[in-house]
Amino acid sequence: QELTTVRVQDPRVHNEGSWNSYVDYKIFLHTNSKAFTAKTSCVRRRYREFVWLRRQLQKNAGLVPVPELPGKSAFFVGSSDEFIERRRQGLQQFLER
């Protein structure tokens, strides 16, 4: 049986304390599917790249509903560990769906 797992982990704040701070997340994929050449891969992605992915999925989804992303904070504070963890969990749920 083919199995693919994906994990969103290790959030990192960049440029903390400045007006252009942002967080990226490590996305780890493991699969035994023959459709993939590499059985594991790991990349870092920002929230805005998830927004891009969701838009692309919506364009091609037809009648299949595309899951929602966790909310975006208009007043992001780089030291908000609780916000970052909630967003990480929301991104994990998005990718699982």
N, C-alpha and C. Protein backbone atom coordinates (compact mmCIF):
# COMPACT_ATOMS: atom_id res chain seq x y z
N GLN A 1 0.84 -1.19 0.00
CA GLN A 1 0.00 0.00 0.00
C GLN A 1 0.88 1.25 0.00
N GLU A 2 0.56 2.18 -0.89
CA GLU A 2 1.32 3.42 -0.96
C GLU A 2 0.92 4.36 0.17
N LEU A 3 1.91 5.04 0.70
CA LEU A 3 1.68 5.94 1.82
C LEU A 3 2.53 7.19 1.63
N THR A 4 1.93 8.35 1.86
CA THR A 4 2.65 9.61 1.81
C THR A 4 2.31 10.39 3.08
N THR A 5 3.32 10.84 3.78
CA THR A 5 3.11 11.67 4.96
C THR A 5 3.82 12.99 4.76
N VAL A 6 3.21 14.02 5.29
CA VAL A 6 3.80 15.35 5.22
C VAL A 6 3.70 15.98 6.60
N ARG A 7 4.77 16.67 6.99
CA ARG A 7 4.79 17.33 8.31
C ARG A 7 5.24 18.77 8.15
N VAL A 8 4.56 19.66 8.84
CA VAL A 8 4.96 21.07 8.93
C VAL A 8 5.57 21.23 10.31
N GLN A 9 6.84 21.66 10.34
CA GLN A 9 7.54 21.72 11.62
C GLN A 9 8.59 22.82 11.62
N ASP A 10 9.22 23.02 12.74
CA ASP A 10 10.37 23.90 12.90
C ASP A 10 10.15 25.31 12.34
N PRO A 11 9.15 26.06 12.86
CA PRO A 11 8.98 27.43 12.39
C PRO A 11 10.18 28.29 12.81
N ARG A 12 10.62 29.15 11.89
CA ARG A 12 11.74 30.05 12.18
C ARG A 12 11.35 31.47 11.84
N VAL A 13 11.58 32.38 12.79
CA VAL A 13 11.31 33.80 12.57
C VAL A 13 12.57 34.43 11.99
N HIS A 14 12.41 35.18 10.90
CA HIS A 14 13.52 35.88 10.26
C HIS A 14 13.32 37.38 10.44
N ASN A 15 14.39 38.11 10.60
CA ASN A 15 14.36 39.57 10.78
C ASN A 15 13.48 39.97 11.95
N GLU A 16 13.54 39.20 13.03
CA GLU A 16 12.69 39.45 14.19
C GLU A 16 12.90 40.87 14.71
N GLY A 17 11.79 41.52 15.02
CA GLY A 17 11.84 42.87 15.55
C GLY A 17 11.83 43.95 14.50
N SER A 18 11.90 43.59 13.23
CA SER A 18 11.87 44.60 12.18
C SER A 18 10.50 44.57 11.49
N TRP A 19 10.21 45.58 10.69
CA TRP A 19 8.91 45.65 10.02
C TRP A 19 8.75 44.59 8.95
N ASN A 20 9.85 44.01 8.48
CA ASN A 20 9.76 42.98 7.44
C ASN A 20 10.07 41.58 7.98
N SER A 21 9.70 41.31 9.23
CA SER A 21 9.92 39.97 9.78
C SER A 21 8.93 39.00 9.14
N TYR A 22 9.34 37.75 9.08
CA TYR A 22 8.48 36.70 8.54
C TYR A 22 8.89 35.37 9.16
N VAL A 23 8.01 34.39 8.99
CA VAL A 23 8.23 33.04 9.51
C VAL A 23 8.24 32.08 8.33
N ASP A 24 9.17 31.15 8.34
CA ASP A 24 9.07 30.05 7.39
C ASP A 24 9.01 28.74 8.17
N TYR A 25 8.55 27.71 7.49
CA TYR A 25 8.30 26.41 8.12
C TYR A 25 8.99 25.33 7.31
N LYS A 26 9.49 24.32 8.01
CA LYS A 26 10.07 23.17 7.33
C LYS A 26 8.95 22.22 6.95
N ILE A 27 8.90 21.86 5.67
CA ILE A 27 7.90 20.92 5.15
C ILE A 27 8.65 19.64 4.81
N PHE A 28 8.33 18.58 5.52
CA PHE A 28 9.00 17.29 5.35
C PHE A 28 8.02 16.31 4.73
N LEU A 29 8.41 15.68 3.65
CA LEU A 29 7.57 14.70 2.96
C LEU A 29 8.29 13.36 2.91
N HIS A 30 7.55 12.31 3.23
CA HIS A 30 8.08 10.95 3.13
C HIS A 30 7.02 10.11 2.42
N THR A 31 7.47 9.30 1.45
CA THR A 31 6.53 8.46 0.71
C THR A 31 7.20 7.17 0.26
N ASN A 32 6.38 6.17 0.02
CA ASN A 32 6.86 4.96 -0.62
C ASN A 32 6.24 4.81 -2.00
N SER A 33 5.59 5.87 -2.48
CA SER A 33 4.93 5.86 -3.78
C SER A 33 5.94 5.76 -4.91
N LYS A 34 5.64 4.95 -5.91
CA LYS A 34 6.51 4.81 -7.07
C LYS A 34 6.45 6.04 -7.98
N ALA A 35 5.46 6.90 -7.76
CA ALA A 35 5.34 8.12 -8.56
C ALA A 35 6.41 9.15 -8.21
N PHE A 36 7.06 8.99 -7.06
CA PHE A 36 8.08 9.92 -6.61
C PHE A 36 9.46 9.30 -6.79
N THR A 37 10.39 10.05 -7.37
CA THR A 37 11.77 9.57 -7.50
C THR A 37 12.45 9.59 -6.14
N ALA A 38 12.35 10.75 -5.46
CA ALA A 38 12.93 10.89 -4.12
C ALA A 38 11.87 10.45 -3.11
N LYS A 39 12.25 9.61 -2.19
CA LYS A 39 11.30 9.10 -1.19
C LYS A 39 11.14 10.04 -0.01
N THR A 40 12.09 10.93 0.18
CA THR A 40 11.95 11.97 1.20
C THR A 40 12.40 13.29 0.61
N SER A 41 11.78 14.35 1.08
CA SER A 41 12.22 15.68 0.69
C SER A 41 11.90 16.65 1.81
N CYS A 42 12.64 17.73 1.84
CA CYS A 42 12.49 18.72 2.89
C CYS A 42 12.76 20.10 2.29
N VAL A 43 11.83 21.01 2.49
CA VAL A 43 11.97 22.38 2.01
C VAL A 43 11.46 23.32 3.10
N ARG A 44 11.82 24.59 2.99
CA ARG A 44 11.28 25.61 3.89
C ARG A 44 10.38 26.51 3.06
N ARG A 45 9.20 26.83 3.59
CA ARG A 45 8.24 27.65 2.87
C ARG A 45 7.59 28.68 3.81
N ARG A 46 7.28 29.84 3.21
CA ARG A 46 6.59 30.90 3.93
C ARG A 46 5.08 30.76 3.73
N TYR A 47 4.33 31.45 4.58
CA TYR A 47 2.87 31.42 4.50
C TYR A 47 2.39 31.83 3.11
N ARG A 48 2.99 32.87 2.55
CA ARG A 48 2.53 33.37 1.25
C ARG A 48 2.68 32.31 0.15
N GLU A 49 3.58 31.36 0.32
CA GLU A 49 3.71 30.28 -0.66
C GLU A 49 2.57 29.28 -0.53
N PHE A 50 2.03 29.15 0.68
CA PHE A 50 0.82 28.33 0.86
C PHE A 50 -0.37 29.02 0.21
N VAL A 51 -0.43 30.35 0.31
CA VAL A 51 -1.50 31.11 -0.33
C VAL A 51 -1.44 30.87 -1.84
N TRP A 52 -0.25 30.95 -2.42
CA TRP A 52 -0.07 30.69 -3.85
C TRP A 52 -0.54 29.28 -4.20
N LEU A 53 -0.13 28.29 -3.41
CA LEU A 53 -0.52 26.90 -3.67
C LEU A 53 -2.04 26.76 -3.64
N ARG A 54 -2.68 27.36 -2.66
CA ARG A 54 -4.14 27.25 -2.55
C ARG A 54 -4.82 27.86 -3.78
N ARG A 55 -4.33 29.00 -4.24
CA ARG A 55 -4.90 29.63 -5.44
C ARG A 55 -4.75 28.72 -6.66
N GLN A 56 -3.59 28.09 -6.79
CA GLN A 56 -3.38 27.19 -7.92
C GLN A 56 -4.32 25.99 -7.84
N LEU A 57 -4.50 25.45 -6.64
CA LEU A 57 -5.42 24.33 -6.47
C LEU A 57 -6.85 24.74 -6.81
N GLN A 58 -7.24 25.95 -6.40
CA GLN A 58 -8.59 26.43 -6.68
C GLN A 58 -8.83 26.55 -8.18
N LYS A 59 -7.82 27.00 -8.91
CA LYS A 59 -7.96 27.16 -10.36
C LYS A 59 -8.23 25.82 -11.04
N ASN A 60 -7.68 24.75 -10.50
CA ASN A 60 -7.73 23.44 -11.14
C ASN A 60 -8.66 22.44 -10.45
N ALA A 61 -9.33 22.87 -9.38
CA ALA A 61 -10.09 21.92 -8.57
C ALA A 61 -11.47 21.60 -9.12
N GLY A 62 -11.99 22.43 -10.00
CA GLY A 62 -13.35 22.19 -10.47
C GLY A 62 -14.34 22.34 -9.33
N LEU A 63 -15.12 21.29 -9.09
CA LEU A 63 -16.12 21.33 -8.02
C LEU A 63 -15.60 20.80 -6.69
N VAL A 64 -14.35 20.36 -6.66
CA VAL A 64 -13.78 19.82 -5.42
C VAL A 64 -13.40 20.99 -4.52
N PRO A 65 -13.92 21.05 -3.29
CA PRO A 65 -13.58 22.17 -2.41
C PRO A 65 -12.11 22.10 -1.97
N VAL A 66 -11.47 23.26 -1.95
CA VAL A 66 -10.07 23.36 -1.52
C VAL A 66 -10.09 23.80 -0.06
N PRO A 67 -9.34 23.13 0.81
CA PRO A 67 -9.35 23.48 2.23
C PRO A 67 -8.92 24.93 2.47
N GLU A 68 -9.37 25.48 3.58
CA GLU A 68 -8.99 26.83 3.98
C GLU A 68 -7.60 26.82 4.60
N LEU A 69 -6.96 27.98 4.55
CA LEU A 69 -5.69 28.19 5.24
C LEU A 69 -5.98 28.84 6.58
N PRO A 70 -5.06 28.69 7.54
CA PRO A 70 -5.24 29.43 8.79
C PRO A 70 -5.18 30.93 8.49
N GLY A 71 -5.80 31.73 9.35
CA GLY A 71 -5.87 33.17 9.14
C GLY A 71 -4.52 33.86 9.12
N LYS A 72 -4.52 35.01 8.47
CA LYS A 72 -3.32 35.84 8.41
C LYS A 72 -3.51 36.98 9.39
N SER A 73 -2.52 37.23 10.20
CA SER A 73 -2.59 38.30 11.18
C SER A 73 -2.18 39.62 10.54
N ALA A 74 -3.05 40.62 10.61
CA ALA A 74 -2.72 41.93 10.06
C ALA A 74 -1.64 42.61 10.90
N PHE A 75 -1.54 42.22 12.16
CA PHE A 75 -0.57 42.82 13.06
C PHE A 75 0.35 41.74 13.61
N PHE A 76 1.10 41.11 12.72
CA PHE A 76 1.98 40.02 13.11
C PHE A 76 3.08 40.53 14.04
N VAL A 77 3.23 39.84 15.14
CA VAL A 77 4.30 40.14 16.07
C VAL A 77 5.23 38.94 16.07
N GLY A 78 6.49 39.16 15.68
CA GLY A 78 7.43 38.07 15.50
C GLY A 78 7.65 37.20 16.72
N SER A 79 7.37 37.71 17.91
CA SER A 79 7.62 36.92 19.11
C SER A 79 6.37 36.18 19.58
N SER A 80 5.32 36.19 18.81
CA SER A 80 4.09 35.54 19.22
C SER A 80 4.16 34.03 18.97
N ASP A 81 4.75 33.32 19.92
CA ASP A 81 4.92 31.87 19.78
C ASP A 81 3.57 31.16 19.63
N GLU A 82 2.57 31.64 20.35
CA GLU A 82 1.25 31.00 20.29
C GLU A 82 0.64 31.14 18.90
N PHE A 83 0.73 32.33 18.29
CA PHE A 83 0.22 32.55 16.94
C PHE A 83 0.96 31.66 15.94
N ILE A 84 2.27 31.60 16.05
CA ILE A 84 3.09 30.82 15.12
C ILE A 84 2.72 29.34 15.22
N GLU A 85 2.50 28.84 16.43
CA GLU A 85 2.15 27.43 16.60
C GLU A 85 0.75 27.15 16.05
N ARG A 86 -0.20 28.05 16.26
CA ARG A 86 -1.55 27.86 15.70
C ARG A 86 -1.49 27.84 14.18
N ARG A 87 -0.68 28.72 13.62
CA ARG A 87 -0.55 28.76 12.16
C ARG A 87 0.11 27.47 11.66
N ARG A 88 1.14 27.01 12.34
CA ARG A 88 1.81 25.76 11.95
C ARG A 88 0.82 24.61 11.92
N GLN A 89 -0.01 24.51 12.95
CA GLN A 89 -1.01 23.45 13.01
C GLN A 89 -2.01 23.59 11.87
N GLY A 90 -2.42 24.82 11.57
CA GLY A 90 -3.36 25.05 10.47
C GLY A 90 -2.77 24.68 9.12
N LEU A 91 -1.49 24.98 8.92
CA LEU A 91 -0.83 24.61 7.66
C LEU A 91 -0.70 23.09 7.55
N GLN A 92 -0.44 22.44 8.67
CA GLN A 92 -0.38 20.97 8.71
C GLN A 92 -1.72 20.39 8.28
N GLN A 93 -2.81 20.91 8.83
CA GLN A 93 -4.15 20.42 8.48
C GLN A 93 -4.46 20.67 7.01
N PHE A 94 -4.05 21.84 6.51
CA PHE A 94 -4.27 22.16 5.09
C PHE A 94 -3.61 21.11 4.20
N LEU A 95 -2.35 20.80 4.47
CA LEU A 95 -1.62 19.83 3.63
C LEU A 95 -2.17 18.42 3.77
N GLU A 96 -2.65 18.06 4.95
CA GLU A 96 -3.23 16.72 5.14
C GLU A 96 -4.52 16.55 4.37
N ARG A 97 -5.28 17.62 4.26
CA ARG A 97 -6.57 17.52 3.54
C ARG A 97 -6.33 17.48 2.06
